[in-house]
Amino acid sequence: MSEPAVIDCTEITVRYGPVTVLDKVSFVVPERRTLCIVGPNGGGKSTLLKVLLGLVRPQSGTVRVLGREPRQARMRVGYMPQYVQIDPLFPIDVEGIVRMGRLKGRGLGFYTREDRMATRQALEEVGLWEQRREAYINLSGGMKQRVLIARALVNNPELLLLDEPTAMVDAHIEARLLEKLKELHNRMTILLVSHDATFVSGLVDEVLCVNRTAEIHPVERVRDKSVTRLYGEPVQHVVHGHTHHHGEGEEQPDA
């Protein structure tokens, strides 16, 4: 019996006006797998995340997340964006940022005792409960990333989507984040966008290569020719034992 699919995309096509961003993309992700999404700038990585979150509807094809339409599955999906824009004059603390994740799908209103308990659990999981009263805007880049991960975890999701989780962290924080993601790997499916080959090498099961189309490769099968074809030019690569991992330069805003 095959494993149930957490994500099932079949022939999805997304266009912005005359530009085709994703072209007949098909892939399946089973339970408790960790995938890294790689691809060139403008190749469609961010659009794919928006499709999975139900924020972008494909012009054709079908998408199922946890067996449902993406919009219907949102409460079971945790999402960590690369950046969160906060007005520096808006006095919101760490606890407030995380607790906002409990509002998904129900709009503004009073928080319940369950919301407060879930917020505490999420902050304790990333080691930030003691910092809950600190202003979010004053935190270091690494602490902000941990707060955003806590917000993604506050609803105890079955699927976790991370957009460049190491974009603003140093090596020490990156190592702690890697250990946390390894723990989460045991209870949920994780998709992360990352250009940090060293970071993902010890974490992911497979690589999802996205450049208008998409292909899933086991990590050990991602070779120079396939990645060069994906990016359209040679890229740097890191070798760990017998496994090859590739990355490009800094990420620019993606399609």
C-alpha atoms as a PDB file:
ATOM      1  CA  MET A   1       0.000   0.000   0.000  1.00  0.00           C
ATOM      2  CA  SER A   2       1.445   3.377  -1.030  1.00  0.00           C
ATOM      3  CA  GLU A   3       1.957   6.211   1.454  1.00  0.00           C
ATOM      4  CA  PRO A   4      -0.835   8.834   1.557  1.00  0.00           C
ATOM      5  CA  ALA A   5       0.057  12.048  -0.262  1.00  0.00           C
ATOM      6  CA  VAL A   6       0.393  15.246   1.743  1.00  0.00           C
ATOM      7  CA  ILE A   7       0.798  17.212  -1.505  1.00  0.00           C
ATOM      8  CA  ASP A   8      -0.518  16.065  -4.875  1.00  0.00           C
ATOM      9  CA  CYS A   9      -0.050  18.457  -7.805  1.00  0.00           C
ATOM     10  CA  THR A  10      -1.193  17.339 -11.256  1.00  0.00           C
ATOM     11  CA  GLU A  11      -0.446  19.326 -14.412  1.00  0.00           C
ATOM     12  CA  ILE A  12      -0.793  22.727 -12.733  1.00  0.00           C
ATOM     13  CA  THR A  13      -0.216  25.795 -14.886  1.00  0.00           C
ATOM     14  CA  VAL A  14      -0.016  29.352 -13.546  1.00  0.00           C
ATOM     15  CA  ARG A  15       0.139  32.449 -15.741  1.00  0.00           C
ATOM     16  CA  TYR A  16       0.556  36.092 -14.810  1.00  0.00           C
ATOM     17  CA  GLY A  17      -0.904  37.793 -17.862  1.00  0.00           C
ATOM     18  CA  PRO A  18       0.951  36.440 -20.908  1.00  0.00           C
ATOM     19  CA  VAL A  19       3.808  35.002 -18.804  1.00  0.00           C
ATOM     20  CA  THR A  20       3.682  31.320 -17.874  1.00  0.00           C
ATOM     21  CA  VAL A  21       5.321  30.943 -14.449  1.00  0.00           C
ATOM     22  CA  LEU A  22       4.509  27.272 -13.819  1.00  0.00           C
ATOM     23  CA  ASP A  23       3.909  24.977 -16.776  1.00  0.00           C
ATOM     24  CA  LYS A  24       2.139  21.617 -16.244  1.00  0.00           C
ATOM     25  CA  VAL A  25       3.851  20.953 -12.925  1.00  0.00           C
ATOM     26  CA  SER A  26       3.207  17.537 -11.382  1.00  0.00           C
ATOM     27  CA  PHE A  27       4.678  16.009  -8.219  1.00  0.00           C
ATOM     28  CA  VAL A  28       3.615  14.083  -5.124  1.00  0.00           C
ATOM     29  CA  VAL A  29       4.980  14.426  -1.587  1.00  0.00           C
ATOM     30  CA  PRO A  30       4.136  11.642   0.904  1.00  0.00           C
ATOM     31  CA  GLU A  31       3.928  11.945   4.686  1.00  0.00           C
ATOM     32  CA  ARG A  32       6.912  12.947   6.836  1.00  0.00           C
ATOM     33  CA  ARG A  33       9.256  13.811   4.009  1.00  0.00           C
ATOM     34  CA  THR A  34      11.505  16.863   3.961  1.00  0.00           C
ATOM     35  CA  LEU A  35      12.093  18.472   0.566  1.00  0.00           C
ATOM     36  CA  CYS A  36      14.241  21.415  -0.462  1.00  0.00           C
ATOM     37  CA  ILE A  37      12.871  23.564  -3.293  1.00  0.00           C
ATOM     38  CA  VAL A  38      15.638  24.904  -5.525  1.00  0.00           C
ATOM     39  CA  GLY A  39      15.628  26.843  -8.779  1.00  0.00           C
ATOM     40  CA  PRO A  40      16.784  30.058 -10.446  1.00  0.00           C
ATOM     41  CA  ASN A  41      15.431  33.492  -9.597  1.00  0.00           C
ATOM     42  CA  GLY A  42      12.046  33.930 -11.253  1.00  0.00           C
ATOM     43  CA  GLY A  43      11.710  30.181 -11.800  1.00  0.00           C
ATOM     44  CA  GLY A  44       8.414  29.937  -9.888  1.00  0.00           C
ATOM     45  CA  LYS A  45       9.421  28.817  -6.382  1.00  0.00           C
ATOM     46  CA  SER A  46       7.459  31.505  -4.546  1.00  0.00           C
ATOM     47  CA  THR A  47       4.478  31.058  -6.847  1.00  0.00           C
ATOM     48  CA  LEU A  48       4.472  27.341  -6.057  1.00  0.00           C
ATOM     49  CA  LEU A  49       4.350  28.091  -2.307  1.00  0.00           C
ATOM     50  CA  LYS A  50       1.429  30.472  -2.919  1.00  0.00           C
ATOM     51  CA  VAL A  51      -0.388  27.737  -4.843  1.00  0.00           C
ATOM     52  CA  LEU A  52       0.070  25.317  -1.939  1.00  0.00           C
ATOM     53  CA  LEU A  53      -1.232  27.965   0.480  1.00  0.00           C
ATOM     54  CA  GLY A  54      -4.277  28.632  -1.692  1.00  0.00           C
ATOM     55  CA  LEU A  55      -3.211  32.234  -2.369  1.00  0.00           C
ATOM     56  CA  VAL A  56      -2.820  31.626  -6.123  1.00  0.00           C
ATOM     57  CA  ARG A  57      -5.249  29.511  -8.131  1.00  0.00           C
ATOM     58  CA  PRO A  58      -3.793  27.684 -11.156  1.00  0.00           C
ATOM     59  CA  GLN A  59      -5.369  28.304 -14.555  1.00  0.00           C
ATOM     60  CA  SER A  60      -5.393  24.544 -15.104  1.00  0.00           C
ATOM     61  CA  GLY A  61      -4.529  21.340 -13.285  1.00  0.00           C
ATOM     62  CA  THR A  62      -5.420  20.127  -9.797  1.00  0.00           C
ATOM     63  CA  VAL A  63      -3.818  20.646  -6.372  1.00  0.00           C
ATOM     64  CA  ARG A  64      -4.561  18.699  -3.217  1.00  0.00           C
ATOM     65  CA  VAL A  65      -2.990  19.504   0.132  1.00  0.00           C
ATOM     66  CA  LEU A  66      -3.705  16.938   2.845  1.00  0.00           C
ATOM     67  CA  GLY A  67      -6.417  15.562   0.579  1.00  0.00           C
ATOM     68  CA  ARG A  68      -8.276  18.868   0.238  1.00  0.00           C
ATOM     69  CA  GLU A  69      -8.305  22.087  -1.765  1.00  0.00           C
ATOM     70  CA  PRO A  70      -5.413  24.291  -0.531  1.00  0.00           C
ATOM     71  CA  ARG A  71      -7.740  26.926   0.962  1.00  0.00           C
ATOM     72  CA  GLN A  72      -9.582  24.244   2.924  1.00  0.00           C
ATOM     73  CA  ALA A  73      -6.309  22.849   4.301  1.00  0.00           C
ATOM     74  CA  ARG A  74      -4.854  26.139   5.575  1.00  0.00           C
ATOM     75  CA  MET A  75      -5.432  25.463   9.262  1.00  0.00           C
ATOM     76  CA  ARG A  76      -3.321  22.310   8.946  1.00  0.00           C
ATOM     77  CA  VAL A  77      -0.441  24.107   7.185  1.00  0.00           C
ATOM     78  CA  GLY A  78       2.261  26.205   8.863  1.00  0.00           C
ATOM     79  CA  TYR A  79       4.024  28.870   6.784  1.00  0.00           C
ATOM     80  CA  MET A  80       7.159  30.846   7.563  1.00  0.00           C
ATOM     81  CA  PRO A  81       7.752  33.724   5.119  1.00  0.00           C
ATOM     82  CA  GLN A  82      11.230  35.016   4.455  1.00  0.00           C
ATOM     83  CA  TYR A  83      10.306  38.452   5.819  1.00  0.00           C
ATOM     84  CA  VAL A  84       7.446  40.016   7.792  1.00  0.00           C
ATOM     85  CA  GLN A  85       6.889  43.730   7.401  1.00  0.00           C
ATOM     86  CA  ILE A  86       6.109  45.310  10.781  1.00  0.00           C
ATOM     87  CA  ASP A  87       5.492  49.024  11.254  1.00  0.00           C
ATOM     88  CA  PRO A  88       8.230  50.119  13.694  1.00  0.00           C
ATOM     89  CA  LEU A  89       5.632  52.308  15.453  1.00  0.00           C
ATOM     90  CA  PHE A  90       3.335  49.314  16.033  1.00  0.00           C
ATOM     91  CA  PRO A  91       4.092  47.999  19.539  1.00  0.00           C
ATOM     92  CA  ILE A  92       3.798  44.246  19.069  1.00  0.00           C
ATOM     93  CA  ASP A  93       5.841  41.826  21.137  1.00  0.00           C
ATOM     94  CA  VAL A  94       7.118  38.318  20.430  1.00  0.00           C
ATOM     95  CA  GLU A  95       4.076  36.669  21.986  1.00  0.00           C
ATOM     96  CA  GLY A  96       1.741  38.840  19.922  1.00  0.00           C
ATOM     97  CA  ILE A  97       3.418  37.890  16.636  1.00  0.00           C
ATOM     98  CA  VAL A  98       3.110  34.178  17.385  1.00  0.00           C
ATOM     99  CA  ARG A  99      -0.429  34.406  18.743  1.00  0.00           C
ATOM    100  CA  MET A 100      -1.573  36.085  15.513  1.00  0.00           C
ATOM    101  CA  GLY A 101      -1.029  32.724  13.837  1.00  0.00           C
ATOM    102  CA  ARG A 102      -4.064  31.434  15.737  1.00  0.00           C
ATOM    103  CA  LEU A 103      -6.356  33.803  13.826  1.00  0.00           C
ATOM    104  CA  LYS A 104      -6.090  31.904  10.536  1.00  0.00           C
ATOM    105  CA  GLY A 105      -9.491  31.368   9.001  1.00  0.00           C
ATOM    106  CA  ARG A 106     -11.544  33.116  11.703  1.00  0.00           C
ATOM    107  CA  GLY A 107     -10.707  36.819  11.491  1.00  0.00           C
ATOM    108  CA  LEU A 108     -10.080  39.209  14.360  1.00  0.00           C
ATOM    109  CA  GLY A 109     -11.527  38.559  17.782  1.00  0.00           C
ATOM    110  CA  PHE A 110     -10.694  37.630  21.344  1.00  0.00           C
ATOM    111  CA  TYR A 111      -8.046  35.006  21.985  1.00  0.00           C
ATOM    112  CA  THR A 112      -9.087  31.932  23.917  1.00  0.00           C
ATOM    113  CA  ARG A 113      -7.282  30.069  26.694  1.00  0.00           C
ATOM    114  CA  GLU A 114      -6.416  27.431  24.086  1.00  0.00           C
ATOM    115  CA  ASP A 115      -4.831  30.129  21.894  1.00  0.00           C
ATOM    116  CA  ARG A 116      -2.681  31.312  24.792  1.00  0.00           C
ATOM    117  CA  MET A 117      -1.595  27.773  25.659  1.00  0.00           C
ATOM    118  CA  ALA A 118      -0.721  26.995  22.017  1.00  0.00           C
ATOM    119  CA  THR A 119       1.299  30.222  21.816  1.00  0.00           C
ATOM    120  CA  ARG A 120       3.280  29.328  24.924  1.00  0.00           C
ATOM    121  CA  GLN A 121       3.954  25.815  23.632  1.00  0.00           C
ATOM    122  CA  ALA A 122       5.190  27.123  20.270  1.00  0.00           C
ATOM    123  CA  LEU A 123       7.503  29.674  21.921  1.00  0.00           C
ATOM    124  CA  GLU A 124       8.868  27.090  24.321  1.00  0.00           C
ATOM    125  CA  GLU A 125       9.557  24.804  21.383  1.00  0.00           C
ATOM    126  CA  VAL A 126      11.899  27.384  19.828  1.00  0.00           C
ATOM    127  CA  GLY A 127      13.320  28.485  23.192  1.00  0.00           C
ATOM    128  CA  LEU A 128      11.814  31.975  23.268  1.00  0.00           C
ATOM    129  CA  TRP A 129       9.180  31.895  26.008  1.00  0.00           C
ATOM    130  CA  GLU A 130      11.341  33.998  28.326  1.00  0.00           C
ATOM    131  CA  GLN A 131      11.610  36.643  25.576  1.00  0.00           C
ATOM    132  CA  ARG A 132       7.858  36.788  24.941  1.00  0.00           C
ATOM    133  CA  ARG A 133       7.520  40.426  26.087  1.00  0.00           C
ATOM    134  CA  GLU A 134      10.333  41.772  23.916  1.00  0.00           C
ATOM    135  CA  ALA A 135       9.417  43.996  20.969  1.00  0.00           C
ATOM    136  CA  TYR A 136       9.639  42.018  17.739  1.00  0.00           C
ATOM    137  CA  ILE A 137      11.103  44.954  15.811  1.00  0.00           C
ATOM    138  CA  ASN A 138      14.133  45.078  18.162  1.00  0.00           C
ATOM    139  CA  LEU A 139      15.133  41.425  17.778  1.00  0.00           C
ATOM    140  CA  SER A 140      18.171  40.145  15.909  1.00  0.00           C
ATOM    141  CA  GLY A 141      17.662  38.455  12.549  1.00  0.00           C
ATOM    142  CA  GLY A 142      18.138  35.008  14.069  1.00  0.00           C
ATOM    143  CA  MET A 143      15.593  35.601  16.824  1.00  0.00           C
ATOM    144  CA  LYS A 144      13.083  36.953  14.319  1.00  0.00           C
ATOM    145  CA  GLN A 145      13.427  33.743  12.302  1.00  0.00           C
ATOM    146  CA  ARG A 146      12.753  31.674  15.423  1.00  0.00           C
ATOM    147  CA  VAL A 147       9.670  33.766  16.203  1.00  0.00           C
ATOM    148  CA  LEU A 148       8.353  33.189  12.674  1.00  0.00           C
ATOM    149  CA  ILE A 149       8.938  29.451  13.013  1.00  0.00           C
ATOM    150  CA  ALA A 150       7.005  29.510  16.296  1.00  0.00           C
ATOM    151  CA  ARG A 151       4.138  31.282  14.544  1.00  0.00           C
ATOM    152  CA  ALA A 152       4.200  28.616  11.813  1.00  0.00           C
ATOM    153  CA  LEU A 153       4.006  25.910  14.508  1.00  0.00           C
ATOM    154  CA  VAL A 154       1.311  27.495  16.679  1.00  0.00           C
ATOM    155  CA  ASN A 155      -1.510  25.477  15.077  1.00  0.00           C
ATOM    156  CA  ASN A 156       0.422  22.177  15.285  1.00  0.00           C
ATOM    157  CA  PRO A 157       0.496  21.784  11.481  1.00  0.00           C
ATOM    158  CA  GLU A 158       0.870  18.601   9.489  1.00  0.00           C
ATOM    159  CA  LEU A 159       2.685  20.439   6.682  1.00  0.00           C
ATOM    160  CA  LEU A 160       5.351  23.119   7.209  1.00  0.00           C
ATOM    161  CA  LEU A 161       6.391  25.504   4.412  1.00  0.00           C
ATOM    162  CA  LEU A 162       9.571  27.546   4.990  1.00  0.00           C
ATOM    163  CA  ASP A 163      10.809  30.289   2.667  1.00  0.00           C
ATOM    164  CA  GLU A 164      14.579  30.785   3.084  1.00  0.00           C
ATOM    165  CA  PRO A 165      14.646  29.957   6.821  1.00  0.00           C
ATOM    166  CA  THR A 166      18.367  30.780   7.146  1.00  0.00           C
ATOM    167  CA  ALA A 167      18.285  34.093   5.252  1.00  0.00           C
ATOM    168  CA  MET A 168      19.159  36.249   8.286  1.00  0.00           C
ATOM    169  CA  VAL A 169      20.944  33.910  10.675  1.00  0.00           C
ATOM    170  CA  ASP A 170      24.543  33.204  11.605  1.00  0.00           C
ATOM    171  CA  ALA A 171      26.155  29.754  11.691  1.00  0.00           C
ATOM    172  CA  HIS A 172      25.343  29.153  15.370  1.00  0.00           C
ATOM    173  CA  ILE A 173      21.627  29.909  14.961  1.00  0.00           C
ATOM    174  CA  GLU A 174      21.584  27.940  11.715  1.00  0.00           C
ATOM    175  CA  ALA A 175      22.867  24.851  13.542  1.00  0.00           C
ATOM    176  CA  ARG A 176      20.144  25.186  16.206  1.00  0.00           C
ATOM    177  CA  LEU A 177      17.521  25.638  13.498  1.00  0.00           C
ATOM    178  CA  LEU A 178      18.758  22.506  11.733  1.00  0.00           C
ATOM    179  CA  GLU A 179      18.374  20.465  14.923  1.00  0.00           C
ATOM    180  CA  LYS A 180      14.851  21.818  15.447  1.00  0.00           C
ATOM    181  CA  LEU A 181      13.837  20.952  11.877  1.00  0.00           C
ATOM    182  CA  LYS A 182      15.219  17.450  12.326  1.00  0.00           C
ATOM    183  CA  GLU A 183      12.945  17.049  15.356  1.00  0.00           C
ATOM    184  CA  LEU A 184       9.947  18.366  13.410  1.00  0.00           C
ATOM    185  CA  HIS A 185      10.731  16.002  10.549  1.00  0.00           C
ATOM    186  CA  ASN A 186       9.585  13.124  12.758  1.00  0.00           C
ATOM    187  CA  ARG A 187       6.033  14.447  13.018  1.00  0.00           C
ATOM    188  CA  MET A 188       5.303  16.503   9.873  1.00  0.00           C
ATOM    189  CA  THR A 189       6.102  17.033   6.215  1.00  0.00           C
ATOM    190  CA  ILE A 190       8.445  19.956   5.489  1.00  0.00           C
ATOM    191  CA  LEU A 191       9.075  21.895   2.277  1.00  0.00           C
ATOM    192  CA  LEU A 192      11.731  24.582   2.428  1.00  0.00           C
ATOM    193  CA  VAL A 193      13.175  26.989  -0.089  1.00  0.00           C
ATOM    194  CA  SER A 194      16.908  27.343   0.502  1.00  0.00           C
ATOM    195  CA  HIS A 195      20.097  28.192  -1.360  1.00  0.00           C
ATOM    196  CA  ASP A 196      22.228  27.092   1.583  1.00  0.00           C
ATOM    197  CA  ALA A 197      23.548  23.749   0.376  1.00  0.00           C
ATOM    198  CA  THR A 198      25.446  23.059   3.596  1.00  0.00           C
ATOM    199  CA  PHE A 199      22.307  23.643   5.649  1.00  0.00           C
ATOM    200  CA  VAL A 200      19.971  21.382   3.682  1.00  0.00           C
ATOM    201  CA  SER A 201      22.483  18.575   3.142  1.00  0.00           C
ATOM    202  CA  GLY A 202      21.894  17.096   6.582  1.00  0.00           C
ATOM    203  CA  LEU A 203      18.125  17.523   6.509  1.00  0.00           C
ATOM    204  CA  VAL A 204      16.341  16.844   3.234  1.00  0.00           C
ATOM    205  CA  ASP A 205      15.211  13.548   1.721  1.00  0.00           C
ATOM    206  CA  GLU A 206      14.720  14.909  -1.791  1.00  0.00           C
ATOM    207  CA  VAL A 207      15.180  18.044  -3.888  1.00  0.00           C
ATOM    208  CA  LEU A 208      12.331  19.634  -5.867  1.00  0.00           C
ATOM    209  CA  CYS A 209      13.893  21.456  -8.822  1.00  0.00           C
ATOM    210  CA  VAL A 210      11.597  24.245 -10.052  1.00  0.00           C
ATOM    211  CA  ASN A 211      12.083  26.282 -13.226  1.00  0.00           C
ATOM    212  CA  ARG A 212       8.616  26.668 -14.802  1.00  0.00           C
ATOM    213  CA  THR A 213       8.411  22.881 -14.666  1.00  0.00           C
ATOM    214  CA  ALA A 214       9.309  20.774 -11.618  1.00  0.00           C
ATOM    215  CA  GLU A 215      11.100  17.498 -10.956  1.00  0.00           C
ATOM    216  CA  ILE A 216      11.784  15.664  -7.705  1.00  0.00           C
ATOM    217  CA  HIS A 217      15.219  14.106  -7.341  1.00  0.00           C
ATOM    218  CA  PRO A 218      16.665  12.029  -4.500  1.00  0.00           C
ATOM    219  CA  VAL A 219      19.522  14.067  -3.060  1.00  0.00           C
ATOM    220  CA  GLU A 220      22.216  11.676  -4.262  1.00  0.00           C
ATOM    221  CA  ARG A 221      20.961  11.887  -7.844  1.00  0.00           C
ATOM    222  CA  VAL A 222      21.264  15.662  -8.218  1.00  0.00           C
ATOM    223  CA  ARG A 223      24.278  15.921 -10.495  1.00  0.00           C
ATOM    224  CA  ASP A 224      26.076  18.726 -12.292  1.00  0.00           C
ATOM    225  CA  LYS A 225      24.310  18.259 -15.636  1.00  0.00           C
ATOM    226  CA  SER A 226      20.789  18.271 -14.219  1.00  0.00           C
ATOM    227  CA  VAL A 227      21.412  21.336 -12.051  1.00  0.00           C
ATOM    228  CA  THR A 228      23.214  23.219 -14.838  1.00  0.00           C
ATOM    229  CA  ARG A 229      20.215  22.520 -17.069  1.00  0.00           C
ATOM    230  CA  LEU A 230      17.916  23.823 -14.308  1.00  0.00           C
ATOM    231  CA  TYR A 231      19.790  27.103 -13.807  1.00  0.00           C
ATOM    232  CA  GLY A 232      20.932  27.510 -17.393  1.00  0.00           C
ATOM    233  CA  GLU A 233      24.541  28.085 -16.311  1.00  0.00           C
ATOM    234  CA  PRO A 234      27.164  26.485 -14.074  1.00  0.00           C
ATOM    235  CA  VAL A 235      26.543  26.841 -10.302  1.00  0.00           C
ATOM    236  CA  GLN A 236      28.643  26.245  -7.245  1.00  0.00           C
ATOM    237  CA  HIS A 237      28.244  22.906  -5.526  1.00  0.00           C
ATOM    238  CA  VAL A 238      29.145  21.377  -2.194  1.00  0.00           C
ATOM    239  CA  VAL A 239      30.026  17.711  -1.806  1.00  0.00           C
ATOM    240  CA  HIS A 240      29.435  15.867   1.468  1.00  0.00           C
ATOM    241  CA  GLY A 241      30.693  12.296   1.235  1.00  0.00           C
ATOM    242  CA  HIS A 242      29.025  10.836  -1.831  1.00  0.00           C
ATOM    243  CA  THR A 243      26.144  13.298  -1.894  1.00  0.00           C
ATOM    244  CA  HIS A 244      26.245  16.370  -4.148  1.00  0.00           C
ATOM    245  CA  HIS A 245      24.465  19.592  -3.214  1.00  0.00           C
ATOM    246  CA  HIS A 246      24.290  22.712  -5.320  1.00  0.00           C
ATOM    247  CA  GLY A 247      23.504  26.365  -4.743  1.00  0.00           C
ATOM    248  CA  GLU A 248      23.611  29.686  -6.544  1.00  0.00           C
ATOM    249  CA  GLY A 249      24.245  33.212  -5.344  1.00  0.00           C
ATOM    250  CA  GLU A 250      21.991  35.357  -3.233  1.00  0.00           C
ATOM    251  CA  GLU A 251      18.258  35.093  -3.843  1.00  0.00           C
ATOM    252  CA  GLN A 252      16.429  37.981  -5.458  1.00  0.00           C
ATOM    253  CA  PRO A 253      12.647  38.377  -5.359  1.00  0.00           C
ATOM    254  CA  ASP A 254      11.146  35.356  -7.063  1.00  0.00           C
ATOM    255  CA  ALA A 255       8.108  34.930  -9.257  1.00  0.00           C
END
